[in-house]
């Protein structure tokens, strides 16, 4: 079973609608936060065994 985690908004810290798995790679991804209504470019390289 893969541990998926919610991507948190870098502005307000709330959960977004995006989940990432440990093997997910994102580069310059436009992340939109429904709570603070801001769009931010993020990059996710790898999640090493985070819990």
N, C-alpha and C. Protein backbone atom coordinates (compact mmCIF):
# COMPACT_ATOMS: atom_id res chain seq x y z
N UNK A 1 0.84 -1.18 0.00
CA UNK A 1 0.00 0.00 0.00
C UNK A 1 0.88 1.25 0.00
N UNK A 2 0.66 2.12 -0.95
CA UNK A 2 1.42 3.37 -1.05
C UNK A 2 0.83 4.40 -0.10
N UNK A 3 1.71 5.11 0.56
CA UNK A 3 1.28 6.19 1.44
C UNK A 3 1.18 7.48 0.63
N UNK A 4 -0.04 7.89 0.37
CA UNK A 4 -0.25 9.16 -0.32
C UNK A 4 -0.39 10.26 0.73
N UNK A 5 0.08 11.45 0.38
CA UNK A 5 -0.04 12.59 1.29
C UNK A 5 -0.64 13.76 0.53
N UNK A 6 -1.40 14.57 1.23
CA UNK A 6 -1.95 15.78 0.64
C UNK A 6 -0.83 16.81 0.50
N UNK A 7 -0.88 17.56 -0.57
CA UNK A 7 0.04 18.68 -0.75
C UNK A 7 -0.54 19.86 0.02
N UNK A 8 0.28 20.45 0.87
CA UNK A 8 -0.16 21.60 1.65
C UNK A 8 0.18 22.90 0.93
N UNK A 9 -0.69 23.87 1.09
CA UNK A 9 -0.48 25.19 0.47
C UNK A 9 0.71 25.86 1.13
N UNK A 10 1.69 26.36 0.34
CA UNK A 10 2.83 27.04 0.93
C UNK A 10 2.49 28.42 1.51
N UNK A 11 1.33 28.96 1.15
CA UNK A 11 0.93 30.29 1.64
C UNK A 11 0.20 30.19 2.98
N UNK A 12 -0.87 29.36 3.04
CA UNK A 12 -1.69 29.31 4.25
C UNK A 12 -1.53 28.01 5.04
N UNK A 13 -0.93 26.97 4.45
CA UNK A 13 -0.68 25.73 5.16
C UNK A 13 -1.83 24.74 5.16
N UNK A 14 -2.93 25.04 4.48
CA UNK A 14 -4.07 24.13 4.43
C UNK A 14 -3.90 23.09 3.32
N UNK A 15 -4.70 22.01 3.42
CA UNK A 15 -4.66 20.96 2.40
C UNK A 15 -5.22 21.49 1.09
N UNK A 16 -4.63 21.05 -0.01
CA UNK A 16 -5.15 21.36 -1.33
C UNK A 16 -5.88 20.12 -1.84
N UNK A 17 -6.25 20.10 -3.10
CA UNK A 17 -6.96 18.96 -3.67
C UNK A 17 -6.02 17.95 -4.33
N UNK A 18 -4.72 18.12 -4.14
CA UNK A 18 -3.72 17.28 -4.79
C UNK A 18 -3.07 16.34 -3.79
N UNK A 19 -2.94 15.06 -4.16
CA UNK A 19 -2.22 14.08 -3.36
C UNK A 19 -0.98 13.66 -4.13
N UNK A 20 0.10 13.35 -3.40
CA UNK A 20 1.31 12.84 -4.04
C UNK A 20 1.73 11.54 -3.38
N UNK A 21 2.29 10.66 -4.18
CA UNK A 21 2.84 9.40 -3.69
C UNK A 21 4.34 9.58 -3.54
N UNK A 22 5.03 8.63 -2.86
CA UNK A 22 6.48 8.76 -2.68
C UNK A 22 7.26 8.83 -3.99
N UNK A 23 6.73 8.25 -5.08
CA UNK A 23 7.45 8.26 -6.36
C UNK A 23 7.00 9.38 -7.29
N UNK A 24 6.21 10.33 -6.81
CA UNK A 24 5.71 11.44 -7.63
C UNK A 24 6.79 12.48 -7.84
N UNK A 25 6.89 12.98 -9.07
CA UNK A 25 7.80 14.08 -9.38
C UNK A 25 7.01 15.18 -10.10
N UNK A 26 7.05 16.37 -9.55
CA UNK A 26 6.40 17.53 -10.17
C UNK A 26 7.44 18.63 -10.30
N UNK A 27 7.39 19.34 -11.40
CA UNK A 27 8.30 20.46 -11.60
C UNK A 27 7.51 21.63 -12.18
N UNK A 28 7.58 22.77 -11.51
CA UNK A 28 6.84 23.97 -11.91
C UNK A 28 5.35 23.69 -12.06
N UNK A 29 4.77 23.04 -11.06
CA UNK A 29 3.36 22.68 -11.07
C UNK A 29 2.54 23.83 -10.49
N UNK A 30 1.53 24.31 -11.20
CA UNK A 30 0.70 25.41 -10.69
C UNK A 30 -0.31 24.88 -9.68
N UNK A 31 -0.01 25.03 -8.40
CA UNK A 31 -0.85 24.53 -7.32
C UNK A 31 -1.84 25.61 -6.91
N UNK A 32 -3.14 25.27 -6.95
CA UNK A 32 -4.18 26.22 -6.55
C UNK A 32 -4.73 25.82 -5.20
N UNK A 33 -4.84 26.77 -4.29
CA UNK A 33 -5.40 26.52 -2.96
C UNK A 33 -6.84 27.04 -2.93
N UNK A 34 -7.82 26.15 -2.66
CA UNK A 34 -9.21 26.59 -2.61
C UNK A 34 -9.52 27.47 -1.39
N UNK A 35 -8.69 27.38 -0.35
CA UNK A 35 -8.94 28.15 0.87
C UNK A 35 -8.52 29.61 0.72
N UNK A 36 -7.25 29.84 0.36
CA UNK A 36 -6.77 31.23 0.23
C UNK A 36 -6.86 31.75 -1.20
N UNK A 37 -7.27 30.87 -2.14
CA UNK A 37 -7.51 31.23 -3.54
C UNK A 37 -6.26 31.81 -4.22
N UNK A 38 -5.09 31.26 -3.87
CA UNK A 38 -3.82 31.67 -4.47
C UNK A 38 -3.29 30.53 -5.32
N UNK A 39 -2.60 30.87 -6.38
CA UNK A 39 -1.93 29.88 -7.21
C UNK A 39 -0.43 30.07 -7.06
N UNK A 40 0.29 28.96 -6.79
CA UNK A 40 1.72 29.00 -6.56
C UNK A 40 2.40 27.91 -7.36
N UNK A 41 3.57 28.19 -7.92
CA UNK A 41 4.34 27.16 -8.61
C UNK A 41 5.13 26.37 -7.58
N UNK A 42 4.99 25.03 -7.61
CA UNK A 42 5.73 24.18 -6.68
C UNK A 42 6.51 23.13 -7.45
N UNK A 43 7.48 22.55 -6.79
CA UNK A 43 8.24 21.42 -7.34
C UNK A 43 8.33 20.35 -6.25
N UNK A 44 8.05 19.10 -6.63
CA UNK A 44 8.17 17.97 -5.71
C UNK A 44 9.13 16.99 -6.37
N UNK A 45 10.29 16.79 -5.76
CA UNK A 45 11.28 15.89 -6.34
C UNK A 45 11.08 14.47 -5.85
N UNK A 46 11.15 14.25 -4.53
CA UNK A 46 10.90 12.92 -3.97
C UNK A 46 10.58 13.05 -2.49
N UNK A 47 9.80 12.12 -2.00
CA UNK A 47 9.45 12.06 -0.58
C UNK A 47 10.09 10.82 -0.01
N UNK A 48 11.17 10.95 0.68
CA UNK A 48 11.89 9.80 1.24
C UNK A 48 11.27 9.35 2.54
N UNK A 49 10.40 8.33 2.49
CA UNK A 49 9.86 7.69 3.67
C UNK A 49 9.21 8.61 4.68
N UNK A 50 8.66 9.72 4.26
CA UNK A 50 7.98 10.61 5.20
C UNK A 50 6.73 9.92 5.70
N UNK A 51 6.33 10.25 6.91
CA UNK A 51 5.14 9.62 7.47
C UNK A 51 4.06 10.61 7.74
